[in-house]
Amino acid sequence: MATNFKTNKMKSVKPAPTPAVKPARASTRNEPTPEEIGIRAFEIYVSEGCPDGKDQEHWLRAEQELRSQGAR
């Protein structure tokens, strides 16, 4: 007894184009992004001569500065 098999042809499907990814941006509430805070904290760190153990202080200061001036 012969069995009929249908041939399933797969269509060539192109992947959907990837949407352009925009960098994380602060909301309109003057909230800086973690990236912006990190950059400013590093600037503070360097300006103070690269002291050890002040990373949290630099982060908080950078966050406060950026919030007060409306994230760059």
Protein backbone atom coordinates (compact mmCIF):
# COMPACT_ATOMS: atom_id res chain seq x y z
CA MET A 1 0.00 0.00 0.00
CA ALA A 2 1.41 3.37 -1.05
CA THR A 3 1.11 6.42 1.14
CA ASN A 4 0.83 9.88 -0.34
CA PHE A 5 2.96 12.51 1.34
CA LYS A 6 2.41 16.17 0.60
CA THR A 7 5.58 18.06 -0.02
CA ASN A 8 5.79 20.99 2.33
CA LYS A 9 7.80 23.71 0.72
CA MET A 10 9.02 26.32 3.14
CA LYS A 11 8.81 29.87 1.95
CA SER A 12 11.97 31.85 2.28
CA VAL A 13 11.17 34.36 5.00
CA LYS A 14 13.34 37.39 5.51
CA PRO A 15 13.71 38.56 9.08
CA ALA A 16 11.91 41.75 9.94
CA PRO A 17 14.16 44.79 9.84
CA THR A 18 15.51 45.73 13.22
CA PRO A 19 14.19 49.10 14.32
CA ALA A 20 16.81 51.73 14.97
CA VAL A 21 17.62 51.66 18.65
CA LYS A 22 17.70 55.05 20.24
CA PRO A 23 19.95 55.58 23.23
CA ALA A 24 18.24 55.55 26.58
CA ARG A 25 16.90 58.99 27.24
CA ALA A 26 15.76 60.57 30.44
CA SER A 27 12.10 61.17 30.91
CA THR A 28 10.66 64.64 30.81
CA ARG A 29 10.77 64.73 34.61
CA ASN A 30 14.46 65.73 34.65
CA GLU A 31 15.55 62.19 35.41
CA PRO A 32 19.06 61.47 34.13
CA THR A 33 19.82 58.02 32.74
CA PRO A 34 22.28 55.73 34.52
CA GLU A 35 24.68 56.28 31.61
CA GLU A 36 24.55 60.06 32.04
CA ILE A 37 25.08 59.73 35.79
CA GLY A 38 28.02 57.38 35.27
CA ILE A 39 29.72 59.76 32.85
CA ARG A 40 29.30 62.70 35.21
CA ALA A 41 30.43 60.63 38.23
CA PHE A 42 33.58 59.69 36.33
CA GLU A 43 34.21 63.35 35.49
CA ILE A 44 33.92 64.20 39.19
CA TYR A 45 36.22 61.28 40.10
CA VAL A 46 38.90 62.47 37.68
CA SER A 47 38.56 66.12 38.72
CA GLU A 48 39.22 65.11 42.33
CA GLY A 49 42.40 63.23 41.44
CA CYS A 50 40.95 59.71 41.22
CA PRO A 51 40.52 59.03 44.95
CA ASP A 52 39.65 55.52 46.11
CA GLY A 53 36.45 54.76 47.99
CA LYS A 54 34.33 57.72 46.89
CA ASP A 55 32.40 56.05 44.10
CA GLN A 56 29.03 56.24 45.84
CA GLU A 57 29.62 59.87 46.81
CA HIS A 58 30.53 60.71 43.20
CA TRP A 59 27.47 58.87 41.87
CA LEU A 60 25.06 60.67 44.22
CA ARG A 61 26.65 64.03 43.52
CA ALA A 62 26.46 63.46 39.76
CA GLU A 63 22.81 62.38 40.04
CA GLN A 64 21.94 65.48 42.05
CA GLU A 65 23.77 67.82 39.65
CA LEU A 66 22.09 66.34 36.59
CA ARG A 67 18.64 66.45 38.15
CA SER A 68 19.07 70.08 39.15
CA GLN A 69 20.12 71.12 35.63
CA GLY A 70 17.65 68.91 33.78
CA ALA A 71 19.55 65.91 32.39
CA ARG A 72 21.89 66.78 29.56
